[in-house]
Amino acid sequence: MNTKLHAITDQNGPPLSFFMTAGQVRDYTGAAALLDSLPAAQWMLAERGYDADWFRDALKGAGPTFGG
């Protein structure tokens, strides 16, 4: 059994919010769970598991902080 920890951190690294899933669950499950917790930001650093059209569209729809 393994797990994945999906986290939102500030620019210095301390966690602001996190969500745990089973290891075999796709990354977009964690992304969807944390989407409403994202703070206002000018940029985002994420691994490629979060690179999906629906996620980019959701960020664009979030307003000017994410290029919307």
PDB file of N, CA and C in Angstrom:
ATOM      1  N   MET A   1       0.852  -1.183   0.000  1.00  0.00           N
ATOM      2  CA  MET A   1       0.000   0.000   0.000  1.00  0.00           C
ATOM      3  C   MET A   1       0.888   1.232   0.000  1.00  0.00           C
ATOM      4  N   ASN A   2       0.548   2.195  -0.838  1.00  0.00           N
ATOM      5  CA  ASN A   2       1.273   3.452  -0.825  1.00  0.00           C
ATOM      6  C   ASN A   2       0.285   4.599  -0.962  1.00  0.00           C
ATOM      7  N   THR A   3       0.786   5.805  -0.737  1.00  0.00           N
ATOM      8  CA  THR A   3      -0.068   6.989  -0.779  1.00  0.00           C
ATOM      9  C   THR A   3       0.647   8.112  -1.524  1.00  0.00           C
ATOM     10  N   LYS A   4      -0.135   9.106  -1.910  1.00  0.00           N
ATOM     11  CA  LYS A   4       0.404  10.339  -2.486  1.00  0.00           C
ATOM     12  C   LYS A   4      -0.097  11.499  -1.642  1.00  0.00           C
ATOM     13  N   LEU A   5       0.757  12.451  -1.421  1.00  0.00           N
ATOM     14  CA  LEU A   5       0.379  13.655  -0.702  1.00  0.00           C
ATOM     15  C   LEU A   5       0.415  14.810  -1.696  1.00  0.00           C
ATOM     16  N   HIS A   6      -0.723  15.429  -1.922  1.00  0.00           N
ATOM     17  CA  HIS A   6      -0.846  16.580  -2.811  1.00  0.00           C
ATOM     18  C   HIS A   6      -0.870  17.799  -1.892  1.00  0.00           C
ATOM     19  N   ALA A   7      -0.018  18.787  -2.159  1.00  0.00           N
ATOM     20  CA  ALA A   7       0.101  19.909  -1.237  1.00  0.00           C
ATOM     21  C   ALA A   7       0.147  21.242  -1.958  1.00  0.00           C
ATOM     22  N   ILE A   8      -0.359  22.249  -1.288  1.00  0.00           N
ATOM     23  CA  ILE A   8      -0.205  23.643  -1.697  1.00  0.00           C
ATOM     24  C   ILE A   8       0.706  24.269  -0.657  1.00  0.00           C
ATOM     25  N   THR A   9       1.757  24.909  -1.125  1.00  0.00           N
ATOM     26  CA  THR A   9       2.698  25.571  -0.211  1.00  0.00           C
ATOM     27  C   THR A   9       2.814  27.032  -0.584  1.00  0.00           C
ATOM     28  N   ASP A  10       3.387  27.824   0.316  1.00  0.00           N
ATOM     29  CA  ASP A  10       3.681  29.202  -0.059  1.00  0.00           C
ATOM     30  C   ASP A  10       5.040  29.237  -0.755  1.00  0.00           C
ATOM     31  N   GLN A  11       5.513  30.414  -1.098  1.00  0.00           N
ATOM     32  CA  GLN A  11       6.757  30.528  -1.870  1.00  0.00           C
ATOM     33  C   GLN A  11       7.989  30.048  -1.111  1.00  0.00           C
ATOM     34  N   ASN A  12       7.888  29.898   0.200  1.00  0.00           N
ATOM     35  CA  ASN A  12       9.020  29.427   0.988  1.00  0.00           C
ATOM     36  C   ASN A  12       8.949  27.934   1.306  1.00  0.00           C
ATOM     37  N   GLY A  13       7.832  27.285   0.971  1.00  0.00           N
ATOM     38  CA  GLY A  13       7.717  25.851   1.154  1.00  0.00           C
ATOM     39  C   GLY A  13       6.793  25.347   2.239  1.00  0.00           C
ATOM     40  N   PRO A  14       6.469  26.128   3.283  1.00  0.00           N
ATOM     41  CA  PRO A  14       5.564  25.596   4.304  1.00  0.00           C
ATOM     42  C   PRO A  14       4.183  25.277   3.704  1.00  0.00           C
ATOM     43  N   PRO A  15       3.599  24.145   4.091  1.00  0.00           N
ATOM     44  CA  PRO A  15       2.304  23.762   3.526  1.00  0.00           C
ATOM     45  C   PRO A  15       1.167  24.664   3.985  1.00  0.00           C
ATOM     46  N   LEU A  16       0.277  24.984   3.042  1.00  0.00           N
ATOM     47  CA  LEU A  16      -0.933  25.742   3.344  1.00  0.00           C
ATOM     48  C   LEU A  16      -2.144  24.816   3.386  1.00  0.00           C
ATOM     49  N   SER A  17      -2.105  23.783   2.555  1.00  0.00           N
ATOM     50  CA  SER A  17      -3.210  22.838   2.452  1.00  0.00           C
ATOM     51  C   SER A  17      -2.675  21.547   1.845  1.00  0.00           C
ATOM     52  N   PHE A  18      -3.266  20.414   2.199  1.00  0.00           N
ATOM     53  CA  PHE A  18      -2.838  19.161   1.581  1.00  0.00           C
ATOM     54  C   PHE A  18      -3.997  18.178   1.502  1.00  0.00           C
ATOM     55  N   PHE A  19      -3.842  17.187   0.632  1.00  0.00           N
ATOM     56  CA  PHE A  19      -4.852  16.168   0.389  1.00  0.00           C
ATOM     57  C   PHE A  19      -4.128  14.861   0.116  1.00  0.00           C
ATOM     58  N   MET A  20      -4.535  13.778   0.748  1.00  0.00           N
ATOM     59  CA  MET A  20      -3.873  12.498   0.563  1.00  0.00           C
ATOM     60  C   MET A  20      -4.762  11.562  -0.253  1.00  0.00           C
ATOM     61  N   THR A  21      -4.126  10.842  -1.190  1.00  0.00           N
ATOM     62  CA  THR A  21      -4.836   9.841  -1.979  1.00  0.00           C
ATOM     63  C   THR A  21      -4.059   8.533  -1.937  1.00  0.00           C
ATOM     64  N   ALA A  22      -4.715   7.470  -2.373  1.00  0.00           N
ATOM     65  CA  ALA A  22      -4.020   6.196  -2.541  1.00  0.00           C
ATOM     66  C   ALA A  22      -3.002   6.350  -3.667  1.00  0.00           C
ATOM     67  N   GLY A  23      -1.938   5.597  -3.626  1.00  0.00           N
ATOM     68  CA  GLY A  23      -0.855   5.740  -4.587  1.00  0.00           C
ATOM     69  C   GLY A  23      -1.242   5.506  -6.023  1.00  0.00           C
ATOM     70  N   GLN A  24      -2.241   4.659  -6.280  1.00  0.00           N
ATOM     71  CA  GLN A  24      -2.616   4.355  -7.653  1.00  0.00           C
ATOM     72  C   GLN A  24      -3.630   5.354  -8.226  1.00  0.00           C
ATOM     73  N   VAL A  25      -4.088   6.318  -7.432  1.00  0.00           N
ATOM     74  CA  VAL A  25      -5.059   7.308  -7.888  1.00  0.00           C
ATOM     75  C   VAL A  25      -4.349   8.353  -8.747  1.00  0.00           C
ATOM     76  N   ARG A  26      -4.996   8.769  -9.822  1.00  0.00           N
ATOM     77  CA  ARG A  26      -4.403   9.761 -10.725  1.00  0.00           C
ATOM     78  C   ARG A  26      -4.218  11.106 -10.021  1.00  0.00           C
ATOM     79  N   ASP A  27      -3.196  11.846 -10.436  1.00  0.00           N
ATOM     80  CA  ASP A  27      -2.873  13.116  -9.799  1.00  0.00           C
ATOM     81  C   ASP A  27      -3.989  14.145  -9.911  1.00  0.00           C
ATOM     82  N   TYR A  28      -4.786  14.076 -10.977  1.00  0.00           N
ATOM     83  CA  TYR A  28      -5.824  15.088 -11.130  1.00  0.00           C
ATOM     84  C   TYR A  28      -6.879  15.013 -10.029  1.00  0.00           C
ATOM     85  N   THR A  29      -6.992  13.885  -9.337  1.00  0.00           N
ATOM     86  CA  THR A  29      -7.911  13.777  -8.205  1.00  0.00           C
ATOM     87  C   THR A  29      -7.473  14.722  -7.091  1.00  0.00           C
ATOM     88  N   GLY A  30      -6.188  14.741  -6.793  1.00  0.00           N
ATOM     89  CA  GLY A  30      -5.655  15.664  -5.788  1.00  0.00           C
ATOM     90  C   GLY A  30      -5.742  17.105  -6.240  1.00  0.00           C
ATOM     91  N   ALA A  31      -5.497  17.338  -7.525  1.00  0.00           N
ATOM     92  CA  ALA A  31      -5.587  18.700  -8.065  1.00  0.00           C
ATOM     93  C   ALA A  31      -7.006  19.232  -7.939  1.00  0.00           C
ATOM     94  N   ALA A  32      -7.982  18.419  -8.279  1.00  0.00           N
ATOM     95  CA  ALA A  32      -9.384  18.833  -8.188  1.00  0.00           C
ATOM     96  C   ALA A  32      -9.784  19.122  -6.745  1.00  0.00           C
ATOM     97  N   ALA A  33      -9.296  18.304  -5.820  1.00  0.00           N
ATOM     98  CA  ALA A  33      -9.638  18.476  -4.411  1.00  0.00           C
ATOM     99  C   ALA A  33      -9.062  19.766  -3.837  1.00  0.00           C
ATOM    100  N   LEU A  34      -7.923  20.193  -4.341  1.00  0.00           N
ATOM    101  CA  LEU A  34      -7.254  21.373  -3.791  1.00  0.00           C
ATOM    102  C   LEU A  34      -7.514  22.652  -4.576  1.00  0.00           C
ATOM    103  N   LEU A  35      -8.197  22.568  -5.685  1.00  0.00           N
ATOM    104  CA  LEU A  35      -8.387  23.718  -6.574  1.00  0.00           C
ATOM    105  C   LEU A  35      -8.982  24.920  -5.851  1.00  0.00           C
ATOM    106  N   ASP A  36      -9.984  24.714  -5.025  1.00  0.00           N
ATOM    107  CA  ASP A  36     -10.617  25.826  -4.310  1.00  0.00           C
ATOM    108  C   ASP A  36      -9.744  26.395  -3.198  1.00  0.00           C
ATOM    109  N   SER A  37      -8.672  25.699  -2.841  1.00  0.00           N
ATOM    110  CA  SER A  37      -7.781  26.151  -1.768  1.00  0.00           C
ATOM    111  C   SER A  37      -6.608  26.979  -2.279  1.00  0.00           C
ATOM    112  N   LEU A  38      -6.476  27.117  -3.592  1.00  0.00           N
ATOM    113  CA  LEU A  38      -5.321  27.838  -4.140  1.00  0.00           C
ATOM    114  C   LEU A  38      -5.360  29.309  -3.756  1.00  0.00           C
ATOM    115  N   PRO A  39      -4.276  29.838  -3.224  1.00  0.00           N
ATOM    116  CA  PRO A  39      -4.216  31.265  -2.909  1.00  0.00           C
ATOM    117  C   PRO A  39      -3.932  32.067  -4.180  1.00  0.00           C
ATOM    118  N   ALA A  40      -4.147  33.354  -4.122  1.00  0.00           N
ATOM    119  CA  ALA A  40      -3.793  34.224  -5.241  1.00  0.00           C
ATOM    120  C   ALA A  40      -2.292  34.125  -5.483  1.00  0.00           C
ATOM    121  N   ALA A  41      -1.913  33.980  -6.745  1.00  0.00           N
ATOM    122  CA  ALA A  41      -0.498  33.825  -7.084  1.00  0.00           C
ATOM    123  C   ALA A  41      -0.254  34.285  -8.517  1.00  0.00           C
ATOM    124  N   GLN A  42       0.980  34.640  -8.811  1.00  0.00           N
ATOM    125  CA  GLN A  42       1.346  35.039 -10.167  1.00  0.00           C
ATOM    126  C   GLN A  42       1.870  33.863 -10.969  1.00  0.00           C
ATOM    127  N   TRP A  43       2.335  32.800 -10.315  1.00  0.00           N
ATOM    128  CA  TRP A  43       2.853  31.627 -11.014  1.00  0.00           C
ATOM    129  C   TRP A  43       2.635  30.395 -10.160  1.00  0.00           C
ATOM    130  N   MET A  44       2.763  29.253 -10.796  1.00  0.00           N
ATOM    131  CA  MET A  44       2.571  27.984 -10.108  1.00  0.00           C
ATOM    132  C   MET A  44       3.635  27.002 -10.583  1.00  0.00           C
ATOM    133  N   LEU A  45       4.162  26.234  -9.668  1.00  0.00           N
ATOM    134  CA  LEU A  45       5.119  25.181  -9.976  1.00  0.00           C
ATOM    135  C   LEU A  45       4.452  23.853  -9.616  1.00  0.00           C
ATOM    136  N   ALA A  46       4.326  22.976 -10.615  1.00  0.00           N
ATOM    137  CA  ALA A  46       3.685  21.681 -10.389  1.00  0.00           C
ATOM    138  C   ALA A  46       4.365  20.642 -11.263  1.00  0.00           C
ATOM    139  N   GLU A  47       4.256  19.391 -10.885  1.00  0.00           N
ATOM    140  CA  GLU A  47       4.829  18.332 -11.707  1.00  0.00           C
ATOM    141  C   GLU A  47       3.869  18.008 -12.853  1.00  0.00           C
ATOM    142  N   ARG A  48       4.318  17.264 -13.822  1.00  0.00           N
ATOM    143  CA  ARG A  48       3.550  17.067 -15.048  1.00  0.00           C
ATOM    144  C   ARG A  48       2.256  16.284 -14.857  1.00  0.00           C
ATOM    145  N   GLY A  49       2.078  15.621 -13.748  1.00  0.00           N
ATOM    146  CA  GLY A  49       0.818  14.947 -13.475  1.00  0.00           C
ATOM    147  C   GLY A  49      -0.349  15.915 -13.375  1.00  0.00           C
ATOM    148  N   TYR A  50      -0.056  17.182 -13.131  1.00  0.00           N
ATOM    149  CA  TYR A  50      -1.088  18.210 -13.032  1.00  0.00           C
ATOM    150  C   TYR A  50      -1.283  18.959 -14.353  1.00  0.00           C
ATOM    151  N   ASP A  51      -0.573  18.580 -15.387  1.00  0.00           N
ATOM    152  CA  ASP A  51      -0.666  19.255 -16.679  1.00  0.00           C
ATOM    153  C   ASP A  51      -1.829  18.669 -17.477  1.00  0.00           C
ATOM    154  N   ALA A  52      -2.998  19.252 -17.300  1.00  0.00           N
ATOM    155  CA  ALA A  52      -4.197  18.806 -17.992  1.00  0.00           C
ATOM    156  C   ALA A  52      -4.979  20.029 -18.456  1.00  0.00           C
ATOM    157  N   ASP A  53      -5.653  19.912 -19.574  1.00  0.00           N
ATOM    158  CA  ASP A  53      -6.417  21.041 -20.115  1.00  0.00           C
ATOM    159  C   ASP A  53      -7.466  21.533 -19.129  1.00  0.00           C
ATOM    160  N   TRP A  54      -8.189  20.620 -18.463  1.00  0.00           N
ATOM    161  CA  TRP A  54      -9.237  21.060 -17.545  1.00  0.00           C
ATOM    162  C   TRP A  54      -8.647  21.859 -16.382  1.00  0.00           C
ATOM    163  N   PHE A  55      -7.420  21.492 -15.953  1.00  0.00           N
ATOM    164  CA  PHE A  55      -6.789  22.195 -14.837  1.00  0.00           C
ATOM    165  C   PHE A  55      -6.342  23.586 -15.278  1.00  0.00           C
ATOM    166  N   ARG A  56      -5.747  23.673 -16.460  1.00  0.00           N
ATOM    167  CA  ARG A  56      -5.351  24.982 -16.995  1.00  0.00           C
ATOM    168  C   ARG A  56      -6.572  25.879 -17.190  1.00  0.00           C
ATOM    169  N   ASP A  57      -7.667  25.317 -17.720  1.00  0.00           N
ATOM    170  CA  ASP A  57      -8.895  26.089 -17.911  1.00  0.00           C
ATOM    171  C   ASP A  57      -9.448  26.574 -16.578  1.00  0.00           C
ATOM    172  N   ALA A  58      -9.405  25.723 -15.559  1.00  0.00           N
ATOM    173  CA  ALA A  58      -9.889  26.116 -14.230  1.00  0.00           C
ATOM    174  C   ALA A  58      -9.047  27.250 -13.658  1.00  0.00           C
ATOM    175  N   LEU A  59      -7.731  27.195 -13.869  1.00  0.00           N
ATOM    176  CA  LEU A  59      -6.852  28.258 -13.379  1.00  0.00           C
ATOM    177  C   LEU A  59      -7.118  29.560 -14.130  1.00  0.00           C
ATOM    178  N   LYS A  60      -7.319  29.477 -15.421  1.00  0.00           N
ATOM    179  CA  LYS A  60      -7.640  30.674 -16.212  1.00  0.00           C
ATOM    180  C   LYS A  60      -8.964  31.274 -15.770  1.00  0.00           C
ATOM    181  N   GLY A  61      -9.914  30.423 -15.417  1.00  0.00           N
ATOM    182  CA  GLY A  61     -11.211  30.892 -14.958  1.00  0.00           C
ATOM    183  C   GLY A  61     -11.175  31.471 -13.558  1.00  0.00           C
ATOM    184  N   ALA A  62     -10.076  31.289 -12.849  1.00  0.00           N
ATOM    185  CA  ALA A  62      -9.956  31.777 -11.479  1.00  0.00           C
ATOM    186  C   ALA A  62      -9.757  33.295 -11.409  1.00  0.00           C
ATOM    187  N   GLY A  63      -9.473  33.923 -12.532  1.00  0.00           N
ATOM    188  CA  GLY A  63      -9.304  35.366 -12.545  1.00  0.00           C
ATOM    189  C   GLY A  63      -7.903  35.777 -12.940  1.00  0.00           C
ATOM    190  N   PRO A  64      -7.630  37.078 -12.804  1.00  0.00           N
ATOM    191  CA  PRO A  64      -6.366  37.621 -13.288  1.00  0.00           C
ATOM    192  C   PRO A  64      -5.121  37.085 -12.589  1.00  0.00           C
ATOM    193  N   THR A  65      -5.263  36.504 -11.397  1.00  0.00           N
ATOM    194  CA  THR A  65      -4.087  35.985 -10.704  1.00  0.00           C
ATOM    195  C   THR A  65      -3.485  34.786 -11.433  1.00  0.00           C
ATOM    196  N   PHE A  66      -4.294  34.070 -12.221  1.00  0.00           N
ATOM    197  CA  PHE A  66      -3.798  32.936 -12.979  1.00  0.00           C
ATOM    198  C   PHE A  66      -4.011  33.127 -14.479  1.00  0.00           C
ATOM    199  N   GLY A  67      -4.007  34.360 -14.954  1.00  0.00           N
ATOM    200  CA  GLY A  67      -4.062  34.628 -16.381  1.00  0.00           C
ATOM    201  C   GLY A  67      -5.439  34.563 -16.994  1.00  0.00           C
ATOM    202  N   GLY A  68      -6.497  34.631 -16.190  1.00  0.00           N
ATOM    203  CA  GLY A  68      -7.857  34.539 -16.703  1.00  0.00           C
ATOM    204  C   GLY A  68      -8.429  35.814 -17.194  1.00  0.00           C
TER     205      GLY A  68
END
